[in-house]
């Protein structure tokens, strides 16, 4: 794996997961708007209430009390009906947000588990062991390549340096933290 572009695959998948996590509220709002068609009915009710209130303002309460009271009851009934619709829509939006979140986290977990499963025994990349000297074994987990092969140094070809591998779990943690910090800096 260290010779291929698997490190880039992991980095891209972590980036896409974090980007989707950032866009999740917008996605759930869009999905709930696509599913719900009550917005037109609610706007009609609001317009109807406004019309009735205008009509009520034009009626003298002293002169036409019965008509004024009937209109008041009708306004209250329509307002209660509107509030019921709004509460129902809000509950449905919360439910949609919850379903989208759960689906996203399940897919993200499946992706991360499949990456760990596929690249369990191979290092993601190989670096000079002095770069990660005190925590070589932790960084190499689960690949187990804590002290790999001896390769010629880039500065001095005659001098051999010890190479250590970076395991998939450490690479996932590092990529996730770097991508999260980068996306937070952008927003």
N, C-alpha and C. Protein backbone atom coordinates (compact mmCIF):
# COMPACT_ATOMS: atom_id res chain seq x y z
N UNK A 1 0.82 -1.20 0.00
CA UNK A 1 0.00 0.00 0.00
C UNK A 1 0.86 1.25 0.00
N UNK A 2 2.02 1.21 0.62
CA UNK A 2 2.86 2.39 0.73
C UNK A 2 3.34 2.86 -0.63
N UNK A 3 3.43 1.97 -1.59
CA UNK A 3 3.90 2.37 -2.90
C UNK A 3 2.80 2.99 -3.75
N UNK A 4 1.55 2.71 -3.42
CA UNK A 4 0.43 3.22 -4.21
C UNK A 4 -0.08 4.56 -3.71
N UNK A 5 -1.26 4.88 -4.14
CA UNK A 5 -1.90 6.15 -3.76
C UNK A 5 -2.99 5.94 -2.73
N UNK A 6 -2.85 4.93 -1.90
CA UNK A 6 -3.87 4.66 -0.89
C UNK A 6 -3.96 5.79 0.13
N UNK A 7 -2.86 6.42 0.44
CA UNK A 7 -2.89 7.55 1.38
C UNK A 7 -3.79 8.65 0.84
N UNK A 8 -3.76 8.83 -0.48
CA UNK A 8 -4.60 9.85 -1.11
C UNK A 8 -6.07 9.43 -1.09
N UNK A 9 -6.33 8.13 -1.29
CA UNK A 9 -7.69 7.60 -1.22
C UNK A 9 -8.28 7.84 0.17
N UNK A 10 -7.51 7.57 1.19
CA UNK A 10 -7.97 7.76 2.57
C UNK A 10 -8.20 9.25 2.82
N UNK A 11 -7.28 10.09 2.39
CA UNK A 11 -7.42 11.53 2.59
C UNK A 11 -8.67 12.07 1.89
N UNK A 12 -8.90 11.63 0.66
CA UNK A 12 -10.09 12.07 -0.09
C UNK A 12 -11.38 11.59 0.57
N UNK A 13 -11.40 10.35 1.03
CA UNK A 13 -12.62 9.84 1.67
C UNK A 13 -12.90 10.57 2.97
N UNK A 14 -11.86 10.89 3.74
CA UNK A 14 -12.05 11.66 4.98
C UNK A 14 -12.53 13.07 4.64
N UNK A 15 -11.96 13.67 3.61
CA UNK A 15 -12.38 15.01 3.20
C UNK A 15 -13.85 15.03 2.78
N UNK A 16 -14.25 14.06 1.96
CA UNK A 16 -15.65 13.99 1.52
C UNK A 16 -16.60 13.74 2.68
N UNK A 17 -16.22 12.90 3.62
CA UNK A 17 -17.07 12.65 4.79
C UNK A 17 -17.25 13.92 5.62
N UNK A 18 -16.17 14.65 5.83
CA UNK A 18 -16.26 15.89 6.61
C UNK A 18 -17.04 16.96 5.86
N UNK A 19 -16.89 17.01 4.56
CA UNK A 19 -17.66 17.96 3.75
C UNK A 19 -19.15 17.64 3.81
N UNK A 20 -19.47 16.36 3.72
CA UNK A 20 -20.88 15.95 3.82
C UNK A 20 -21.44 16.25 5.21
N UNK A 21 -20.62 16.08 6.25
CA UNK A 21 -21.06 16.39 7.60
C UNK A 21 -21.38 17.88 7.72
N UNK A 22 -20.59 18.72 7.05
CA UNK A 22 -20.83 20.16 7.07
C UNK A 22 -22.10 20.51 6.31
N UNK A 23 -22.37 19.80 5.23
CA UNK A 23 -23.53 20.08 4.39
C UNK A 23 -24.80 19.35 4.84
N UNK A 24 -24.70 18.53 5.87
CA UNK A 24 -25.84 17.72 6.31
C UNK A 24 -27.09 18.54 6.65
N UNK A 25 -27.00 19.66 7.37
CA UNK A 25 -28.23 20.43 7.63
C UNK A 25 -28.91 20.92 6.36
N UNK A 26 -28.12 21.34 5.38
CA UNK A 26 -28.70 21.79 4.11
C UNK A 26 -29.36 20.64 3.36
N UNK A 27 -28.71 19.50 3.39
CA UNK A 27 -29.26 18.32 2.69
C UNK A 27 -30.56 17.88 3.34
N UNK A 28 -30.60 17.83 4.67
CA UNK A 28 -31.84 17.40 5.33
C UNK A 28 -32.96 18.41 5.12
N UNK A 29 -32.63 19.71 5.10
CA UNK A 29 -33.67 20.72 4.82
C UNK A 29 -34.21 20.57 3.41
N UNK A 30 -33.32 20.34 2.46
CA UNK A 30 -33.74 20.16 1.07
C UNK A 30 -34.62 18.93 0.93
N UNK A 31 -34.23 17.84 1.57
CA UNK A 31 -35.03 16.61 1.49
C UNK A 31 -36.40 16.81 2.14
N UNK A 32 -36.44 17.50 3.27
CA UNK A 32 -37.74 17.71 3.93
C UNK A 32 -38.63 18.62 3.10
N UNK A 33 -38.06 19.60 2.40
CA UNK A 33 -38.86 20.46 1.53
C UNK A 33 -39.40 19.67 0.34
N UNK A 34 -38.60 18.72 -0.16
CA UNK A 34 -39.05 17.90 -1.28
C UNK A 34 -40.18 16.97 -0.86
N UNK A 35 -40.10 16.47 0.37
CA UNK A 35 -41.10 15.53 0.86
C UNK A 35 -42.39 16.24 1.26
N UNK A 36 -42.27 17.42 1.86
CA UNK A 36 -43.45 18.14 2.38
C UNK A 36 -44.02 19.08 1.33
N UNK A 37 -45.32 19.02 1.20
CA UNK A 37 -46.02 19.91 0.27
C UNK A 37 -46.98 20.84 1.02
N UNK A 38 -46.81 20.95 2.33
CA UNK A 38 -47.72 21.74 3.16
C UNK A 38 -47.44 23.24 3.11
N UNK A 39 -46.33 23.63 2.53
CA UNK A 39 -45.95 25.05 2.54
C UNK A 39 -46.99 25.92 1.83
N UNK A 40 -47.54 25.43 0.73
CA UNK A 40 -48.56 26.20 0.01
C UNK A 40 -49.82 26.35 0.85
N UNK A 41 -50.22 25.27 1.50
CA UNK A 41 -51.42 25.31 2.33
C UNK A 41 -51.21 26.26 3.52
N UNK A 42 -50.02 26.26 4.10
CA UNK A 42 -49.73 27.16 5.22
C UNK A 42 -49.74 28.62 4.77
N UNK A 43 -49.19 28.89 3.61
CA UNK A 43 -49.18 30.28 3.12
C UNK A 43 -50.60 30.75 2.80
N UNK A 44 -51.45 29.84 2.30
CA UNK A 44 -52.85 30.19 2.06
C UNK A 44 -53.56 30.50 3.37
N UNK A 45 -53.28 29.71 4.40
CA UNK A 45 -53.89 29.96 5.71
C UNK A 45 -53.44 31.30 6.27
N UNK A 46 -52.16 31.60 6.13
CA UNK A 46 -51.64 32.89 6.63
C UNK A 46 -52.31 34.06 5.89
N UNK A 47 -52.43 33.92 4.58
CA UNK A 47 -53.08 34.97 3.79
C UNK A 47 -54.55 35.12 4.21
N UNK A 48 -55.21 33.99 4.44
CA UNK A 48 -56.62 34.02 4.88
C UNK A 48 -56.75 34.71 6.24
N UNK A 49 -55.84 34.43 7.14
CA UNK A 49 -55.87 35.07 8.47
C UNK A 49 -55.66 36.58 8.33
N UNK A 50 -54.73 36.97 7.48
CA UNK A 50 -54.47 38.40 7.27
C UNK A 50 -55.70 39.11 6.70
N UNK A 51 -56.37 38.46 5.75
CA UNK A 51 -57.59 39.04 5.17
C UNK A 51 -58.68 39.19 6.23
N UNK A 52 -58.85 38.15 7.04
CA UNK A 52 -59.88 38.22 8.09
C UNK A 52 -59.55 39.30 9.11
N UNK A 53 -58.27 39.49 9.43
CA UNK A 53 -57.88 40.54 10.38
C UNK A 53 -58.13 41.93 9.80
N UNK A 54 -57.86 42.07 8.49
CA UNK A 54 -58.16 43.35 7.83
C UNK A 54 -59.66 43.64 7.89
N UNK A 55 -60.44 42.60 7.59
CA UNK A 55 -61.90 42.75 7.63
C UNK A 55 -62.37 43.07 9.05
N UNK A 56 -61.76 42.43 10.03
CA UNK A 56 -62.13 42.67 11.42
C UNK A 56 -61.80 44.11 11.83
N UNK A 57 -60.70 44.65 11.33
CA UNK A 57 -60.34 46.04 11.64
C UNK A 57 -61.34 47.03 11.07
N UNK A 58 -61.97 46.66 9.96
CA UNK A 58 -62.93 47.56 9.34
C UNK A 58 -64.32 47.52 10.01
N UNK A 59 -64.55 46.50 10.85
CA UNK A 59 -65.84 46.34 11.53
C UNK A 59 -65.79 47.05 12.89
N UNK A 60 -66.82 47.77 13.21
CA UNK A 60 -66.93 48.41 14.52
C UNK A 60 -67.42 47.37 15.52
N UNK A 61 -66.65 47.19 16.58
CA UNK A 61 -67.00 46.20 17.59
C UNK A 61 -68.30 46.58 18.32
N UNK A 62 -68.55 47.84 18.51
CA UNK A 62 -69.76 48.28 19.21
C UNK A 62 -71.02 48.11 18.37
N UNK A 63 -70.89 48.42 17.09
CA UNK A 63 -72.07 48.38 16.22
C UNK A 63 -72.42 46.97 15.76
N UNK A 64 -71.43 46.18 15.41
CA UNK A 64 -71.68 44.84 14.86
C UNK A 64 -70.93 43.79 15.67
N UNK A 65 -71.29 43.66 16.93
CA UNK A 65 -70.58 42.76 17.84
C UNK A 65 -70.67 41.31 17.40
N UNK A 66 -71.84 40.84 16.96
CA UNK A 66 -72.02 39.44 16.57
C UNK A 66 -71.11 39.08 15.39
N UNK A 67 -71.07 39.93 14.40
CA UNK A 67 -70.22 39.70 13.22
C UNK A 67 -68.74 39.73 13.63
N UNK A 68 -68.39 40.67 14.50
CA UNK A 68 -67.02 40.81 14.97
C UNK A 68 -66.60 39.56 15.75
N UNK A 69 -67.47 39.04 16.62
CA UNK A 69 -67.16 37.86 17.43
C UNK A 69 -67.05 36.61 16.56
N UNK A 70 -67.95 36.48 15.55
CA UNK A 70 -67.88 35.35 14.62
C UNK A 70 -66.55 35.35 13.88
N UNK A 71 -66.15 36.53 13.42
CA UNK A 71 -64.88 36.66 12.70
C UNK A 71 -63.69 36.35 13.63
N UNK A 72 -63.79 36.78 14.86
CA UNK A 72 -62.74 36.51 15.85
C UNK A 72 -62.59 35.00 16.08
N UNK A 73 -63.72 34.29 16.21
CA UNK A 73 -63.68 32.84 16.40
C UNK A 73 -63.10 32.15 15.17
N UNK A 74 -63.46 32.63 13.99
CA UNK A 74 -62.93 32.06 12.74
C UNK A 74 -61.41 32.28 12.64
N UNK A 75 -60.97 33.46 13.03
CA UNK A 75 -59.52 33.74 13.02
C UNK A 75 -58.79 32.81 13.99
N UNK A 76 -59.36 32.65 15.19
CA UNK A 76 -58.74 31.77 16.19
C UNK A 76 -58.69 30.32 15.71
N UNK A 77 -59.77 29.87 15.08
CA UNK A 77 -59.83 28.49 14.58
C UNK A 77 -58.79 28.28 13.48
N UNK A 78 -58.69 29.23 12.56
CA UNK A 78 -57.71 29.11 11.47
C UNK A 78 -56.28 29.20 12.02
N UNK A 79 -56.06 30.05 13.01
CA UNK A 79 -54.73 30.16 13.62
C UNK A 79 -54.34 28.86 14.33
N UNK A 80 -55.29 28.27 15.03
CA UNK A 80 -55.01 26.98 15.68
C UNK A 80 -54.69 25.90 14.65
N UNK A 81 -55.44 25.88 13.57
CA UNK A 81 -55.19 24.92 12.49
C UNK A 81 -53.80 25.13 11.89
N UNK A 82 -53.42 26.40 11.69
CA UNK A 82 -52.10 26.73 11.15
C UNK A 82 -51.01 26.27 12.11
N UNK A 83 -51.19 26.50 13.40
CA UNK A 83 -50.19 26.09 14.39
C UNK A 83 -50.04 24.57 14.41
N UNK A 84 -51.12 23.85 14.24
CA UNK A 84 -51.05 22.39 14.18
C UNK A 84 -50.22 21.95 12.98
N UNK A 85 -50.45 22.59 11.83
CA UNK A 85 -49.67 22.27 10.62
C UNK A 85 -48.19 22.59 10.83
N UNK A 86 -47.90 23.71 11.43
CA UNK A 86 -46.51 24.12 11.65
C UNK A 86 -45.80 23.14 12.59
N UNK A 87 -46.49 22.74 13.67
CA UNK A 87 -45.91 21.78 14.60
C UNK A 87 -45.65 20.45 13.92
N UNK A 88 -46.58 20.02 13.09
CA UNK A 88 -46.42 18.77 12.36
C UNK A 88 -45.23 18.84 11.40
N UNK A 89 -45.13 19.96 10.70
CA UNK A 89 -44.02 20.13 9.75
C UNK A 89 -42.69 20.18 10.48
N UNK A 90 -42.64 20.86 11.61
CA UNK A 90 -41.40 20.94 12.39
C UNK A 90 -40.98 19.58 12.90
N UNK A 91 -41.95 18.80 13.36
CA UNK A 91 -41.64 17.44 13.83
C UNK A 91 -41.12 16.58 12.68
N UNK A 92 -41.72 16.73 11.51
CA UNK A 92 -41.28 15.96 10.35
C UNK A 92 -39.88 16.39 9.91
N UNK A 93 -39.56 17.68 10.01
CA UNK A 93 -38.22 18.15 9.66
C UNK A 93 -37.18 17.59 10.64
N UNK A 94 -37.51 17.55 11.92
CA UNK A 94 -36.59 17.00 12.91
C UNK A 94 -36.36 15.51 12.66
N UNK A 95 -37.43 14.82 12.30
CA UNK A 95 -37.33 13.39 11.99
C UNK A 95 -36.45 13.17 10.76
N UNK A 96 -36.63 14.00 9.74
CA UNK A 96 -35.83 13.89 8.52
C UNK A 96 -34.35 14.16 8.82
N UNK A 97 -34.09 15.16 9.63
CA UNK A 97 -32.71 15.48 10.01
C UNK A 97 -32.08 14.31 10.76
N UNK A 98 -32.83 13.71 11.65
CA UNK A 98 -32.35 12.56 12.41
C UNK A 98 -32.05 11.38 11.49
N UNK A 99 -32.95 11.08 10.55
CA UNK A 99 -32.75 9.96 9.62
C UNK A 99 -31.53 10.20 8.74
N UNK A 100 -31.38 11.42 8.23
CA UNK A 100 -30.23 11.74 7.38
C UNK A 100 -28.93 11.61 8.18
N UNK A 101 -28.94 12.07 9.42
CA UNK A 101 -27.75 11.97 10.27
C UNK A 101 -27.38 10.52 10.54
N UNK A 102 -28.35 9.72 10.90
CA UNK A 102 -28.09 8.30 11.17
C UNK A 102 -27.57 7.60 9.93
N UNK A 103 -28.19 7.85 8.79
CA UNK A 103 -27.74 7.22 7.53
C UNK A 103 -26.32 7.65 7.19
N UNK A 104 -26.02 8.92 7.37
CA UNK A 104 -24.66 9.41 7.09
C UNK A 104 -23.64 8.73 7.99
N UNK A 105 -23.91 8.67 9.28
CA UNK A 105 -22.94 8.09 10.21
C UNK A 105 -22.77 6.59 9.98
N UNK A 106 -23.82 5.90 9.57
CA UNK A 106 -23.69 4.48 9.25
C UNK A 106 -22.82 4.30 8.01
N UNK A 107 -23.05 5.12 6.99
CA UNK A 107 -22.23 5.02 5.78
C UNK A 107 -20.78 5.40 6.05
N UNK A 108 -20.57 6.42 6.88
CA UNK A 108 -19.21 6.82 7.22
C UNK A 108 -18.49 5.71 7.98
N UNK A 109 -19.17 5.10 8.93
CA UNK A 109 -18.57 4.00 9.70
C UNK A 109 -18.25 2.82 8.79
N UNK A 110 -19.16 2.51 7.87
CA UNK A 110 -18.91 1.40 6.94
C UNK A 110 -17.70 1.71 6.05
N UNK A 111 -17.58 2.94 5.60
CA UNK A 111 -16.43 3.33 4.78
C UNK A 111 -15.13 3.20 5.55
N UNK A 112 -15.10 3.72 6.77
CA UNK A 112 -13.88 3.67 7.58
C UNK A 112 -13.51 2.23 7.95
N UNK A 113 -14.51 1.43 8.29
CA UNK A 113 -14.23 0.02 8.61
C UNK A 113 -13.71 -0.72 7.39
N UNK A 114 -14.29 -0.44 6.22
CA UNK A 114 -13.79 -1.12 5.02
C UNK A 114 -12.38 -0.68 4.66
N UNK A 115 -12.04 0.59 4.88
CA UNK A 115 -10.66 1.04 4.63
C UNK A 115 -9.69 0.37 5.61
N UNK A 116 -10.08 0.31 6.87
CA UNK A 116 -9.21 -0.34 7.86
C UNK A 116 -9.07 -1.83 7.54
N UNK A 117 -10.16 -2.45 7.16
CA UNK A 117 -10.14 -3.88 6.82
C UNK A 117 -9.23 -4.15 5.63
N UNK A 118 -9.35 -3.31 4.60
CA UNK A 118 -8.58 -3.53 3.38
C UNK A 118 -7.08 -3.28 3.59
N UNK A 119 -6.75 -2.26 4.34
CA UNK A 119 -5.34 -1.87 4.50
C UNK A 119 -4.82 -2.15 5.91
N UNK A 120 -5.34 -3.19 6.53
CA UNK A 120 -4.99 -3.51 7.91
C UNK A 120 -3.51 -3.82 8.08
N UNK A 121 -2.97 -4.66 7.24
CA UNK A 121 -1.60 -5.14 7.46
C UNK A 121 -0.54 -4.35 6.70
N UNK A 122 -0.93 -3.43 5.85
CA UNK A 122 0.04 -2.66 5.08
C UNK A 122 0.18 -1.25 5.63
N UNK A 123 1.39 -0.71 5.63
CA UNK A 123 1.54 0.69 6.03
C UNK A 123 1.01 1.61 4.93
N UNK A 124 0.44 2.72 5.34
CA UNK A 124 -0.07 3.69 4.37
C UNK A 124 1.09 4.35 3.64
N UNK A 125 2.09 4.72 4.40
CA UNK A 125 3.28 5.31 3.84
C UNK A 125 4.46 4.94 4.73
N UNK A 126 5.65 5.11 4.21
CA UNK A 126 6.85 4.80 4.96
C UNK A 126 7.63 6.10 5.13
N UNK A 127 8.02 6.37 6.36
CA UNK A 127 8.77 7.59 6.67
C UNK A 127 10.02 7.21 7.46
N UNK A 128 11.01 8.10 7.49
CA UNK A 128 12.19 7.81 8.32
C UNK A 128 11.77 7.66 9.79
N UNK A 129 12.30 6.68 10.45
CA UNK A 129 11.86 6.39 11.82
C UNK A 129 12.20 7.52 12.79
N UNK A 130 13.16 8.35 12.49
CA UNK A 130 13.48 9.45 13.40
C UNK A 130 12.37 10.51 13.42
N UNK A 131 11.51 10.55 12.40
CA UNK A 131 10.40 11.49 12.38
C UNK A 131 9.35 11.16 13.43
N UNK A 132 9.22 9.88 13.72
CA UNK A 132 8.19 9.43 14.67
C UNK A 132 8.78 8.58 15.78
N UNK A 133 10.05 8.83 16.10
CA UNK A 133 10.85 7.99 16.99
C UNK A 133 10.18 7.56 18.29
N UNK A 134 9.64 8.44 19.09
CA UNK A 134 9.13 7.93 20.38
C UNK A 134 7.85 7.10 20.26
N UNK A 135 7.09 7.25 19.21
CA UNK A 135 5.80 6.57 19.12
C UNK A 135 5.69 5.71 17.86
N UNK A 136 6.80 5.10 17.46
CA UNK A 136 6.81 4.30 16.22
C UNK A 136 5.75 3.20 16.20
N UNK A 137 5.69 2.45 17.28
CA UNK A 137 4.75 1.32 17.32
C UNK A 137 3.30 1.78 17.29
N UNK A 138 2.99 2.86 17.97
CA UNK A 138 1.64 3.40 17.98
C UNK A 138 1.25 3.91 16.60
N UNK A 139 2.16 4.61 15.95
CA UNK A 139 1.89 5.15 14.61
C UNK A 139 1.77 4.02 13.59
N UNK A 140 2.53 2.96 13.77
CA UNK A 140 2.52 1.84 12.81
C UNK A 140 1.32 0.92 12.99
N UNK A 141 0.60 1.02 14.11
CA UNK A 141 -0.54 0.14 14.35
C UNK A 141 -1.59 0.30 13.27
N UNK A 142 -2.19 -0.69 12.76
CA UNK A 142 -2.07 -2.12 12.99
C UNK A 142 -1.12 -2.83 12.04
N UNK A 143 -0.39 -2.07 11.22
CA UNK A 143 0.46 -2.72 10.21
C UNK A 143 1.63 -3.46 10.84
N UNK A 144 2.11 -3.01 11.98
CA UNK A 144 3.21 -3.69 12.65
C UNK A 144 4.56 -3.37 12.05
N UNK A 145 4.65 -2.45 11.14
CA UNK A 145 5.92 -2.10 10.49
C UNK A 145 6.51 -0.93 11.26
N UNK A 146 7.00 -1.21 12.48
CA UNK A 146 7.56 -0.16 13.30
C UNK A 146 9.00 0.12 12.92
N UNK A 147 9.75 -0.91 12.61
CA UNK A 147 11.11 -0.71 12.13
C UNK A 147 11.26 -1.54 10.87
N UNK A 148 11.07 -0.87 9.77
CA UNK A 148 11.06 -1.55 8.48
C UNK A 148 12.45 -1.75 7.92
N UNK A 149 12.54 -1.67 6.62
CA UNK A 149 13.80 -1.92 5.93
C UNK A 149 14.75 -0.73 6.05
N UNK A 150 15.98 -1.00 5.77
CA UNK A 150 16.99 0.06 5.78
C UNK A 150 17.16 0.54 4.35
N UNK A 151 16.98 1.82 4.14
CA UNK A 151 17.08 2.42 2.81
C UNK A 151 18.15 3.49 2.83
N UNK A 152 18.75 3.76 1.68
CA UNK A 152 19.74 4.83 1.63
C UNK A 152 19.09 6.17 1.93
N UNK A 153 19.79 7.01 2.65
CA UNK A 153 19.30 8.33 3.00
C UNK A 153 19.30 9.21 1.76
N UNK A 154 18.37 10.16 1.70
CA UNK A 154 18.30 11.08 0.57
C UNK A 154 19.51 12.00 0.54
N UNK A 155 20.01 12.36 1.72
CA UNK A 155 21.16 13.27 1.79
C UNK A 155 22.46 12.54 1.49
N UNK A 156 22.60 11.38 2.01
CA UNK A 156 23.84 10.62 1.84
C UNK A 156 23.49 9.20 1.43
N UNK A 157 23.66 8.84 0.14
CA UNK A 157 23.28 7.50 -0.32
C UNK A 157 24.04 6.37 0.37
N UNK A 158 25.23 6.65 0.92
CA UNK A 158 26.00 5.60 1.58
C UNK A 158 25.49 5.31 2.98
N UNK A 159 24.81 6.28 3.58
CA UNK A 159 24.29 6.14 4.93
C UNK A 159 22.89 5.52 4.88
N UNK A 160 22.66 4.47 5.64
CA UNK A 160 21.36 3.80 5.67
C UNK A 160 20.51 4.37 6.81
N UNK A 161 19.22 4.59 6.53
CA UNK A 161 18.30 5.06 7.56
C UNK A 161 17.22 4.01 7.78
N UNK A 162 16.72 3.96 8.98
CA UNK A 162 15.65 3.03 9.31
C UNK A 162 14.32 3.66 8.92
N UNK A 163 13.49 2.90 8.23
CA UNK A 163 12.18 3.37 7.79
C UNK A 163 11.09 2.76 8.67
N UNK A 164 10.08 3.55 8.97
CA UNK A 164 8.94 3.06 9.75
C UNK A 164 7.66 3.33 8.97
N UNK A 165 6.69 2.44 9.15
CA UNK A 165 5.42 2.58 8.45
C UNK A 165 4.40 3.35 9.27
N UNK A 166 3.47 3.99 8.56
CA UNK A 166 2.35 4.67 9.20
C UNK A 166 1.11 3.81 8.93
N UNK A 167 0.49 3.33 10.00
CA UNK A 167 -0.69 2.46 9.87
C UNK A 167 -1.94 3.22 9.47
N UNK A 168 -2.93 2.48 9.03
CA UNK A 168 -4.17 3.07 8.52
C UNK A 168 -4.94 3.80 9.62
N UNK A 169 -4.96 3.29 10.84
CA UNK A 169 -5.73 3.95 11.90
C UNK A 169 -5.12 5.30 12.26
N UNK A 170 -3.81 5.36 12.37
CA UNK A 170 -3.15 6.63 12.66
C UNK A 170 -3.36 7.61 11.51
N UNK A 171 -3.28 7.10 10.29
CA UNK A 171 -3.47 7.97 9.12
C UNK A 171 -4.90 8.52 9.07
N UNK A 172 -5.88 7.70 9.42
CA UNK A 172 -7.26 8.17 9.47
C UNK A 172 -7.44 9.26 10.52
N UNK A 173 -6.86 9.08 11.68
CA UNK A 173 -6.98 10.08 12.75
C UNK A 173 -6.33 11.39 12.33
N UNK A 174 -5.11 11.30 11.77
CA UNK A 174 -4.40 12.50 11.35
C UNK A 174 -5.15 13.21 10.22
N UNK A 175 -5.60 12.46 9.22
CA UNK A 175 -6.34 13.06 8.10
C UNK A 175 -7.62 13.72 8.59
N UNK A 176 -8.33 13.05 9.48
CA UNK A 176 -9.59 13.59 9.99
C UNK A 176 -9.34 14.90 10.73
N UNK A 177 -8.32 14.95 11.54
CA UNK A 177 -8.02 16.18 12.30
C UNK A 177 -7.59 17.31 11.36
N UNK A 178 -6.73 17.01 10.40
CA UNK A 178 -6.25 18.04 9.46
C UNK A 178 -7.40 18.57 8.61
N UNK A 179 -8.23 17.69 8.09
CA UNK A 179 -9.36 18.11 7.26
C UNK A 179 -10.37 18.92 8.08
N UNK A 180 -10.65 18.48 9.31
CA UNK A 180 -11.58 19.22 10.17
C UNK A 180 -11.05 20.62 10.46
N UNK A 181 -9.78 20.72 10.80
CA UNK A 181 -9.18 22.05 11.06
C UNK A 181 -9.21 22.91 9.80
N UNK A 182 -8.92 22.30 8.65
CA UNK A 182 -8.94 23.06 7.39
C UNK A 182 -10.33 23.56 7.04
N UNK A 183 -11.34 22.70 7.18
CA UNK A 183 -12.72 23.12 6.88
C UNK A 183 -13.23 24.15 7.87
N UNK A 184 -12.84 24.02 9.14
CA UNK A 184 -13.24 25.03 10.13
C UNK A 184 -12.58 26.36 9.87
N UNK A 185 -11.34 26.34 9.36
CA UNK A 185 -10.66 27.59 9.04
C UNK A 185 -11.31 28.28 7.85
N UNK A 186 -11.85 27.49 6.92
CA UNK A 186 -12.50 28.07 5.74
C UNK A 186 -13.88 28.65 6.05
N UNK A 187 -14.54 28.08 7.07
CA UNK A 187 -15.89 28.57 7.38
C UNK A 187 -15.93 29.51 8.54
